[in-house]
């Protein structure tokens, strides 16, 4: 198995890349869990941590999107306020 981040070969018991420090993907951990046995507590814990990490990545993307939307709304309100001020000052 190889690291999906850097392509470095992983040892038979490695779950974290010795080259870049990246944890295996959820798919790789699932395969490794099947190879090493379903009741391996170390692999079970790594699998659970990786699932939480994947959820965090999705939440982080959502938060970034929310910030973009909020910035867009603030800019729209500012443009509207400037247009209204320009109309009122013309009178």
PDB file of N, CA and C in Angstrom:
ATOM      1  N   UNK A   1       0.850  -1.168   0.000  1.00  0.00           N
ATOM      2  CA  UNK A   1       0.000   0.000   0.000  1.00  0.00           C
ATOM      3  C   UNK A   1       0.901   1.238   0.000  1.00  0.00           C
ATOM      4  N   UNK A   2       0.436   2.299  -0.655  1.00  0.00           N
ATOM      5  CA  UNK A   2       1.218   3.539  -0.706  1.00  0.00           C
ATOM      6  C   UNK A   2       0.412   4.688  -0.118  1.00  0.00           C
ATOM      7  N   UNK A   3       1.118   5.703   0.355  1.00  0.00           N
ATOM      8  CA  UNK A   3       0.490   6.904   0.910  1.00  0.00           C
ATOM      9  C   UNK A   3      -0.217   7.662  -0.213  1.00  0.00           C
ATOM     10  N   UNK A   4      -1.466   8.043   0.035  1.00  0.00           N
ATOM     11  CA  UNK A   4      -2.210   8.795  -0.987  1.00  0.00           C
ATOM     12  C   UNK A   4      -1.742  10.241  -1.072  1.00  0.00           C
ATOM     13  N   UNK A   5      -0.987  10.693  -0.062  1.00  0.00           N
ATOM     14  CA  UNK A   5      -0.506  12.070  -0.059  1.00  0.00           C
ATOM     15  C   UNK A   5       0.812  12.217  -0.824  1.00  0.00           C
ATOM     16  N   UNK A   6       1.780  11.344  -0.508  1.00  0.00           N
ATOM     17  CA  UNK A   6       3.108  11.513  -1.120  1.00  0.00           C
ATOM     18  C   UNK A   6       3.556  10.331  -1.985  1.00  0.00           C
ATOM     19  N   UNK A   7       2.814   9.204  -1.934  1.00  0.00           N
ATOM     20  CA  UNK A   7       3.172   8.055  -2.755  1.00  0.00           C
ATOM     21  C   UNK A   7       4.220   7.148  -2.152  1.00  0.00           C
ATOM     22  N   UNK A   8       4.667   7.436  -0.928  1.00  0.00           N
ATOM     23  CA  UNK A   8       5.678   6.621  -0.256  1.00  0.00           C
ATOM     24  C   UNK A   8       5.076   5.268   0.113  1.00  0.00           C
ATOM     25  N   UNK A   9       5.865   4.208  -0.016  1.00  0.00           N
ATOM     26  CA  UNK A   9       5.400   2.868   0.334  1.00  0.00           C
ATOM     27  C   UNK A   9       5.200   2.754   1.838  1.00  0.00           C
ATOM     28  N   UNK A  10       4.086   2.137   2.243  1.00  0.00           N
ATOM     29  CA  UNK A  10       3.781   1.951   3.656  1.00  0.00           C
ATOM     30  C   UNK A  10       4.092   0.515   4.044  1.00  0.00           C
ATOM     31  N   UNK A  11       4.657   0.343   5.215  1.00  0.00           N
ATOM     32  CA  UNK A  11       4.939  -0.989   5.719  1.00  0.00           C
ATOM     33  C   UNK A  11       3.663  -1.732   6.043  1.00  0.00           C
ATOM     34  N   UNK A  12       3.788  -3.023   6.338  1.00  0.00           N
ATOM     35  CA  UNK A  12       2.599  -3.846   6.583  1.00  0.00           C
ATOM     36  C   UNK A  12       1.853  -3.438   7.842  1.00  0.00           C
ATOM     37  N   UNK A  13       2.527  -2.784   8.771  1.00  0.00           N
ATOM     38  CA  UNK A  13       1.864  -2.364  10.006  1.00  0.00           C
ATOM     39  C   UNK A  13       1.729  -0.845  10.108  1.00  0.00           C
ATOM     40  N   UNK A  14       2.185  -0.120   9.101  1.00  0.00           N
ATOM     41  CA  UNK A  14       2.093   1.338   9.139  1.00  0.00           C
ATOM     42  C   UNK A  14       0.675   1.800   8.828  1.00  0.00           C
ATOM     43  N   UNK A  15       0.164   2.708   9.642  1.00  0.00           N
ATOM     44  CA  UNK A  15      -1.115   3.351   9.351  1.00  0.00           C
ATOM     45  C   UNK A  15      -0.891   4.837   9.103  1.00  0.00           C
ATOM     46  N   UNK A  16       0.312   5.283   9.480  1.00  0.00           N
ATOM     47  CA  UNK A  16       0.708   6.673   9.273  1.00  0.00           C
ATOM     48  C   UNK A  16       1.978   6.667   8.437  1.00  0.00           C
ATOM     49  N   UNK A  17       2.004   7.493   7.425  1.00  0.00           N
ATOM     50  CA  UNK A  17       3.144   7.516   6.504  1.00  0.00           C
ATOM     51  C   UNK A  17       4.403   7.979   7.229  1.00  0.00           C
ATOM     52  N   UNK A  18       5.489   7.201   7.165  1.00  0.00           N
ATOM     53  CA  UNK A  18       6.734   7.614   7.797  1.00  0.00           C
ATOM     54  C   UNK A  18       7.413   8.774   7.058  1.00  0.00           C
ATOM     55  N   UNK A  19       7.006   9.015   5.813  1.00  0.00           N
ATOM     56  CA  UNK A  19       7.613  10.076   5.016  1.00  0.00           C
ATOM     57  C   UNK A  19       6.969  11.438   5.282  1.00  0.00           C
ATOM     58  N   UNK A  20       5.627  11.521   5.221  1.00  0.00           N
ATOM     59  CA  UNK A  20       4.961  12.820   5.352  1.00  0.00           C
ATOM     60  C   UNK A  20       4.097  12.944   6.603  1.00  0.00           C
ATOM     61  N   UNK A  21       3.854  11.829   7.307  1.00  0.00           N
ATOM     62  CA  UNK A  21       3.073  11.865   8.538  1.00  0.00           C
ATOM     63  C   UNK A  21       1.575  11.846   8.338  1.00  0.00           C
ATOM     64  N   UNK A  22       1.122  11.658   7.104  1.00  0.00           N
ATOM     65  CA  UNK A  22      -0.311  11.632   6.805  1.00  0.00           C
ATOM     66  C   UNK A  22      -0.900  10.275   7.172  1.00  0.00           C
ATOM     67  N   UNK A  23      -2.103  10.287   7.772  1.00  0.00           N
ATOM     68  CA  UNK A  23      -2.774   9.037   8.092  1.00  0.00           C
ATOM     69  C   UNK A  23      -3.391   8.466   6.820  1.00  0.00           C
ATOM     70  N   UNK A  24      -3.517   7.156   6.788  1.00  0.00           N
ATOM     71  CA  UNK A  24      -4.142   6.506   5.637  1.00  0.00           C
ATOM     72  C   UNK A  24      -5.559   7.038   5.445  1.00  0.00           C
ATOM     73  N   UNK A  25      -6.048   6.927   4.232  1.00  0.00           N
ATOM     74  CA  UNK A  25      -7.431   7.308   3.964  1.00  0.00           C
ATOM     75  C   UNK A  25      -8.363   6.277   4.602  1.00  0.00           C
ATOM     76  N   UNK A  26      -9.644   6.608   4.678  1.00  0.00           N
ATOM     77  CA  UNK A  26     -10.620   5.693   5.272  1.00  0.00           C
ATOM     78  C   UNK A  26     -10.669   4.372   4.504  1.00  0.00           C
ATOM     79  N   UNK A  27     -10.574   4.438   3.189  1.00  0.00           N
ATOM     80  CA  UNK A  27     -10.588   3.208   2.380  1.00  0.00           C
ATOM     81  C   UNK A  27      -9.372   2.342   2.686  1.00  0.00           C
ATOM     82  N   UNK A  28      -8.206   2.962   2.783  1.00  0.00           N
ATOM     83  CA  UNK A  28      -6.995   2.208   3.083  1.00  0.00           C
ATOM     84  C   UNK A  28      -7.062   1.598   4.478  1.00  0.00           C
ATOM     85  N   UNK A  29      -7.588   2.366   5.450  1.00  0.00           N
ATOM     86  CA  UNK A  29      -7.702   1.840   6.804  1.00  0.00           C
ATOM     87  C   UNK A  29      -8.675   0.670   6.858  1.00  0.00           C
ATOM     88  N   UNK A  30      -9.727   0.745   6.070  1.00  0.00           N
ATOM     89  CA  UNK A  30     -10.698  -0.349   6.035  1.00  0.00           C
ATOM     90  C   UNK A  30     -10.037  -1.619   5.504  1.00  0.00           C
ATOM     91  N   UNK A  31      -9.262  -1.480   4.429  1.00  0.00           N
ATOM     92  CA  UNK A  31      -8.557  -2.633   3.864  1.00  0.00           C
ATOM     93  C   UNK A  31      -7.548  -3.180   4.867  1.00  0.00           C
ATOM     94  N   UNK A  32      -6.779  -2.272   5.488  1.00  0.00           N
ATOM     95  CA  UNK A  32      -5.767  -2.696   6.466  1.00  0.00           C
ATOM     96  C   UNK A  32      -6.433  -3.385   7.652  1.00  0.00           C
ATOM     97  N   UNK A  33      -7.611  -2.879   8.063  1.00  0.00           N
ATOM     98  CA  UNK A  33      -8.352  -3.478   9.167  1.00  0.00           C
ATOM     99  C   UNK A  33      -8.775  -4.902   8.812  1.00  0.00           C
ATOM    100  N   UNK A  34      -9.196  -5.114   7.575  1.00  0.00           N
ATOM    101  CA  UNK A  34      -9.585  -6.449   7.128  1.00  0.00           C
ATOM    102  C   UNK A  34      -8.381  -7.387   7.093  1.00  0.00           C
ATOM    103  N   UNK A  35      -7.240  -6.862   6.680  1.00  0.00           N
ATOM    104  CA  UNK A  35      -6.023  -7.682   6.600  1.00  0.00           C
ATOM    105  C   UNK A  35      -5.545  -8.070   7.995  1.00  0.00           C
ATOM    106  N   UNK A  36      -5.508  -7.094   8.913  1.00  0.00           N
ATOM    107  CA  UNK A  36      -4.970  -7.331  10.255  1.00  0.00           C
ATOM    108  C   UNK A  36      -5.974  -7.941  11.218  1.00  0.00           C
ATOM    109  N   UNK A  37      -7.200  -8.080  10.824  1.00  0.00           N
ATOM    110  CA  UNK A  37      -8.217  -8.664  11.701  1.00  0.00           C
ATOM    111  C   UNK A  37      -9.182  -7.603  12.191  1.00  0.00           C
ATOM    112  N   UNK A  38     -10.430  -7.969  12.266  1.00  0.00           N
ATOM    113  CA  UNK A  38     -11.482  -7.019  12.618  1.00  0.00           C
ATOM    114  C   UNK A  38     -11.410  -6.575  14.068  1.00  0.00           C
ATOM    115  N   UNK A  39     -10.784  -7.353  14.953  1.00  0.00           N
ATOM    116  CA  UNK A  39     -10.762  -7.020  16.372  1.00  0.00           C
ATOM    117  C   UNK A  39      -9.461  -6.378  16.818  1.00  0.00           C
ATOM    118  N   UNK A  40      -8.712  -5.817  15.897  1.00  0.00           N
ATOM    119  CA  UNK A  40      -7.465  -5.148  16.239  1.00  0.00           C
ATOM    120  C   UNK A  40      -7.785  -3.767  16.820  1.00  0.00           C
ATOM    121  N   UNK A  41      -7.564  -3.553  18.126  1.00  0.00           N
ATOM    122  CA  UNK A  41      -7.963  -2.279  18.736  1.00  0.00           C
ATOM    123  C   UNK A  41      -7.233  -1.071  18.154  1.00  0.00           C
ATOM    124  N   UNK A  42      -5.972  -1.231  17.767  1.00  0.00           N
ATOM    125  CA  UNK A  42      -5.208  -0.128  17.186  1.00  0.00           C
ATOM    126  C   UNK A  42      -5.833   0.322  15.873  1.00  0.00           C
ATOM    127  N   UNK A  43      -6.146  -0.631  14.999  1.00  0.00           N
ATOM    128  CA  UNK A  43      -6.731  -0.281  13.708  1.00  0.00           C
ATOM    129  C   UNK A  43      -8.152   0.257  13.873  1.00  0.00           C
ATOM    130  N   UNK A  44      -8.905  -0.291  14.832  1.00  0.00           N
ATOM    131  CA  UNK A  44     -10.252   0.230  15.093  1.00  0.00           C
ATOM    132  C   UNK A  44     -10.186   1.693  15.513  1.00  0.00           C
ATOM    133  N   UNK A  45      -9.241   2.022  16.381  1.00  0.00           N
ATOM    134  CA  UNK A  45      -9.100   3.401  16.857  1.00  0.00           C
ATOM    135  C   UNK A  45      -8.680   4.330  15.715  1.00  0.00           C
ATOM    136  N   UNK A  46      -7.737   3.902  14.901  1.00  0.00           N
ATOM    137  CA  UNK A  46      -7.316   4.721  13.762  1.00  0.00           C
ATOM    138  C   UNK A  46      -8.466   4.936  12.790  1.00  0.00           C
ATOM    139  N   UNK A  47      -9.263   3.902  12.565  1.00  0.00           N
ATOM    140  CA  UNK A  47     -10.401   4.009  11.661  1.00  0.00           C
ATOM    141  C   UNK A  47     -11.403   5.031  12.200  1.00  0.00           C
ATOM    142  N   UNK A  48     -11.683   4.993  13.502  1.00  0.00           N
ATOM    143  CA  UNK A  48     -12.616   5.949  14.111  1.00  0.00           C
ATOM    144  C   UNK A  48     -12.064   7.377  14.035  1.00  0.00           C
ATOM    145  N   UNK A  49     -10.770   7.540  14.302  1.00  0.00           N
ATOM    146  CA  UNK A  49     -10.160   8.871  14.227  1.00  0.00           C
ATOM    147  C   UNK A  49     -10.223   9.417  12.808  1.00  0.00           C
ATOM    148  N   UNK A  50      -9.985   8.565  11.826  1.00  0.00           N
ATOM    149  CA  UNK A  50     -10.014   9.012  10.436  1.00  0.00           C
ATOM    150  C   UNK A  50     -11.431   9.408  10.028  1.00  0.00           C
ATOM    151  N   UNK A  51     -12.447   8.675  10.501  1.00  0.00           N
ATOM    152  CA  UNK A  51     -13.829   9.047  10.196  1.00  0.00           C
ATOM    153  C   UNK A  51     -14.150  10.425  10.778  1.00  0.00           C
ATOM    154  N   UNK A  52     -13.687  10.690  12.006  1.00  0.00           N
ATOM    155  CA  UNK A  52     -13.907  12.010  12.611  1.00  0.00           C
ATOM    156  C   UNK A  52     -13.160  13.072  11.827  1.00  0.00           C
ATOM    157  N   UNK A  53     -11.950  12.756  11.370  1.00  0.00           N
ATOM    158  CA  UNK A  53     -11.149  13.694  10.599  1.00  0.00           C
ATOM    159  C   UNK A  53     -11.837  14.032   9.285  1.00  0.00           C
ATOM    160  N   UNK A  54     -12.413  13.046   8.610  1.00  0.00           N
ATOM    161  CA  UNK A  54     -13.129  13.289   7.360  1.00  0.00           C
ATOM    162  C   UNK A  54     -14.338  14.185   7.599  1.00  0.00           C
ATOM    163  N   UNK A  55     -15.049  13.978   8.712  1.00  0.00           N
ATOM    164  CA  UNK A  55     -16.205  14.806   9.050  1.00  0.00           C
ATOM    165  C   UNK A  55     -15.746  16.238   9.290  1.00  0.00           C
ATOM    166  N   UNK A  56     -14.605  16.401   9.983  1.00  0.00           N
ATOM    167  CA  UNK A  56     -14.078  17.744  10.245  1.00  0.00           C
ATOM    168  C   UNK A  56     -13.743  18.452   8.943  1.00  0.00           C
ATOM    169  N   UNK A  57     -13.171  17.715   8.000  1.00  0.00           N
ATOM    170  CA  UNK A  57     -12.832  18.331   6.714  1.00  0.00           C
ATOM    171  C   UNK A  57     -14.079  18.819   6.001  1.00  0.00           C
ATOM    172  N   UNK A  58     -15.176  18.041   6.068  1.00  0.00           N
ATOM    173  CA  UNK A  58     -16.418  18.471   5.441  1.00  0.00           C
ATOM    174  C   UNK A  58     -16.973  19.699   6.153  1.00  0.00           C
ATOM    175  N   UNK A  59     -16.917  19.709   7.492  1.00  0.00           N
ATOM    176  CA  UNK A  59     -17.417  20.858   8.242  1.00  0.00           C
ATOM    177  C   UNK A  59     -16.587  22.099   7.938  1.00  0.00           C
ATOM    178  N   UNK A  60     -15.273  21.920   7.790  1.00  0.00           N
ATOM    179  CA  UNK A  60     -14.387  23.032   7.498  1.00  0.00           C
ATOM    180  C   UNK A  60     -14.737  23.645   6.139  1.00  0.00           C
ATOM    181  N   UNK A  61     -15.040  22.824   5.154  1.00  0.00           N
ATOM    182  CA  UNK A  61     -15.441  23.315   3.835  1.00  0.00           C
ATOM    183  C   UNK A  61     -16.747  24.080   3.930  1.00  0.00           C
ATOM    184  N   UNK A  62     -17.685  23.568   4.689  1.00  0.00           N
ATOM    185  CA  UNK A  62     -18.967  24.237   4.868  1.00  0.00           C
ATOM    186  C   UNK A  62     -18.765  25.595   5.514  1.00  0.00           C
ATOM    187  N   UNK A  63     -17.898  25.656   6.531  1.00  0.00           N
ATOM    188  CA  UNK A  63     -17.630  26.935   7.191  1.00  0.00           C
ATOM    189  C   UNK A  63     -17.010  27.928   6.226  1.00  0.00           C
ATOM    190  N   UNK A  64     -16.138  27.475   5.358  1.00  0.00           N
ATOM    191  CA  UNK A  64     -15.526  28.353   4.364  1.00  0.00           C
ATOM    192  C   UNK A  64     -16.585  28.873   3.401  1.00  0.00           C
ATOM    193  N   UNK A  65     -17.477  27.997   2.968  1.00  0.00           N
ATOM    194  CA  UNK A  65     -18.551  28.423   2.077  1.00  0.00           C
ATOM    195  C   UNK A  65     -19.456  29.433   2.759  1.00  0.00           C
ATOM    196  N   UNK A  66     -19.752  29.225   4.040  1.00  0.00           N
ATOM    197  CA  UNK A  66     -20.584  30.173   4.776  1.00  0.00           C
ATOM    198  C   UNK A  66     -19.907  31.533   4.857  1.00  0.00           C
ATOM    199  N   UNK A  67     -18.606  31.567   5.040  1.00  0.00           N
ATOM    200  CA  UNK A  67     -17.874  32.834   5.097  1.00  0.00           C
ATOM    201  C   UNK A  67     -17.930  33.545   3.743  1.00  0.00           C
ATOM    202  N   UNK A  68     -17.841  32.810   2.669  1.00  0.00           N
ATOM    203  CA  UNK A  68     -17.917  33.397   1.325  1.00  0.00           C
ATOM    204  C   UNK A  68     -19.296  34.000   1.101  1.00  0.00           C
ATOM    205  N   UNK A  69     -20.339  33.267   1.481  1.00  0.00           N
ATOM    206  CA  UNK A  69     -21.704  33.783   1.327  1.00  0.00           C
ATOM    207  C   UNK A  69     -21.925  35.033   2.172  1.00  0.00           C
ATOM    208  N   UNK A  70     -21.427  35.025   3.392  1.00  0.00           N
ATOM    209  CA  UNK A  70     -21.595  36.179   4.273  1.00  0.00           C
ATOM    210  C   UNK A  70     -20.880  37.394   3.694  1.00  0.00           C
ATOM    211  N   UNK A  71     -19.679  37.205   3.163  1.00  0.00           N
ATOM    212  CA  UNK A  71     -18.935  38.301   2.547  1.00  0.00           C
ATOM    213  C   UNK A  71     -19.689  38.843   1.336  1.00  0.00           C
ATOM    214  N   UNK A  72     -20.261  37.957   0.540  1.00  0.00           N
ATOM    215  CA  UNK A  72     -21.029  38.362  -0.635  1.00  0.00           C
ATOM    216  C   UNK A  72     -22.241  39.201  -0.222  1.00  0.00           C
ATOM    217  N   UNK A  73     -22.935  38.782   0.810  1.00  0.00           N
ATOM    218  CA  UNK A  73     -24.111  39.519   1.279  1.00  0.00           C
ATOM    219  C   UNK A  73     -23.721  40.892   1.799  1.00  0.00           C
ATOM    220  N   UNK A  74     -22.635  40.972   2.557  1.00  0.00           N
ATOM    221  CA  UNK A  74     -22.171  42.267   3.078  1.00  0.00           C
ATOM    222  C   UNK A  74     -21.815  43.196   1.926  1.00  0.00           C
ATOM    223  N   UNK A  75     -21.137  42.684   0.909  1.00  0.00           N
ATOM    224  CA  UNK A  75     -20.783  43.516  -0.242  1.00  0.00           C
ATOM    225  C   UNK A  75     -22.028  43.993  -0.992  1.00  0.00           C
ATOM    226  N   UNK A  76     -23.018  43.138  -1.133  1.00  0.00           N
ATOM    227  CA  UNK A  76     -24.265  43.536  -1.799  1.00  0.00           C
ATOM    228  C   UNK A  76     -24.963  44.649  -1.019  1.00  0.00           C
ATOM    229  N   UNK A  77     -25.006  44.518   0.293  1.00  0.00           N
ATOM    230  CA  UNK A  77     -25.635  45.550   1.124  1.00  0.00           C
ATOM    231  C   UNK A  77     -24.875  46.868   0.995  1.00  0.00           C
ATOM    232  N   UNK A  78     -23.558  46.820   0.966  1.00  0.00           N
ATOM    233  CA  UNK A  78     -22.760  48.044   0.809  1.00  0.00           C
ATOM    234  C   UNK A  78     -23.012  48.708  -0.549  1.00  0.00           C
ATOM    235  N   UNK A  79     -23.081  47.912  -1.599  1.00  0.00           N
ATOM    236  CA  UNK A  79     -23.338  48.468  -2.933  1.00  0.00           C
ATOM    237  C   UNK A  79     -24.715  49.117  -2.973  1.00  0.00           C
ATOM    238  N   UNK A  80     -25.706  48.475  -2.401  1.00  0.00           N
ATOM    239  CA  UNK A  80     -27.050  49.039  -2.362  1.00  0.00           C
ATOM    240  C   UNK A  80     -27.063  50.336  -1.558  1.00  0.00           C
ATOM    241  N   UNK A  81     -26.354  50.360  -0.430  1.00  0.00           N
ATOM    242  CA  UNK A  81     -26.294  51.571   0.391  1.00  0.00           C
ATOM    243  C   UNK A  81     -25.622  52.716  -0.369  1.00  0.00           C
ATOM    244  N   UNK A  82     -24.582  52.428  -1.115  1.00  0.00           N
ATOM    245  CA  UNK A  82     -23.895  53.463  -1.897  1.00  0.00           C
ATOM    246  C   UNK A  82     -24.817  53.997  -2.991  1.00  0.00           C
ATOM    247  N   UNK A  83     -25.544  53.107  -3.649  1.00  0.00           N
ATOM    248  CA  UNK A  83     -26.479  53.541  -4.696  1.00  0.00           C
ATOM    249  C   UNK A  83     -27.570  54.426  -4.106  1.00  0.00           C
ATOM    250  N   UNK A  84     -28.125  54.030  -2.982  1.00  0.00           N
ATOM    251  CA  UNK A  84     -29.171  54.843  -2.333  1.00  0.00           C
ATOM    252  C   UNK A  84     -28.616  56.188  -1.910  1.00  0.00           C
ATOM    253  N   UNK A  85     -27.407  56.223  -1.349  1.00  0.00           N
ATOM    254  CA  UNK A  85     -26.785  57.485  -0.947  1.00  0.00           C
ATOM    255  C   UNK A  85     -26.542  58.383  -2.162  1.00  0.00           C
ATOM    256  N   UNK A  86     -26.120  57.810  -3.261  1.00  0.00           N
ATOM    257  CA  UNK A  86     -25.878  58.611  -4.483  1.00  0.00           C
ATOM    258  C   UNK A  86     -27.183  59.188  -4.996  1.00  0.00           C
ATOM    259  N   UNK A  87     -28.250  58.435  -4.958  1.00  0.00           N
ATOM    260  CA  UNK A  87     -29.558  58.928  -5.409  1.00  0.00           C
ATOM    261  C   UNK A  87     -30.043  60.062  -4.505  1.00  0.00           C
ATOM    262  N   UNK A  88     -29.881  59.896  -3.211  1.00  0.00           N
ATOM    263  CA  UNK A  88     -30.340  60.933  -2.261  1.00  0.00           C
ATOM    264  C   UNK A  88     -29.509  62.213  -2.361  1.00  0.00           C
ATOM    265  N   UNK A  89     -28.210  62.087  -2.651  1.00  0.00           N
ATOM    266  CA  UNK A  89     -27.349  63.260  -2.753  1.00  0.00           C
ATOM    267  C   UNK A  89     -27.593  64.040  -4.041  1.00  0.00           C
ATOM    268  N   UNK A  90     -28.135  63.425  -5.069  1.00  0.00           N
ATOM    269  CA  UNK A  90     -28.418  64.098  -6.329  1.00  0.00           C
ATOM    270  C   UNK A  90     -29.570  65.081  -6.188  1.00  0.00           C
ATOM    271  N   UNK A  91     -30.440  64.873  -5.267  1.00  0.00           N
ATOM    272  CA  UNK A  91     -31.623  65.729  -5.134  1.00  0.00           C
ATOM    273  C   UNK A  91     -31.283  67.058  -4.626  1.00  0.00           C
TER     274      UNK A  91
END
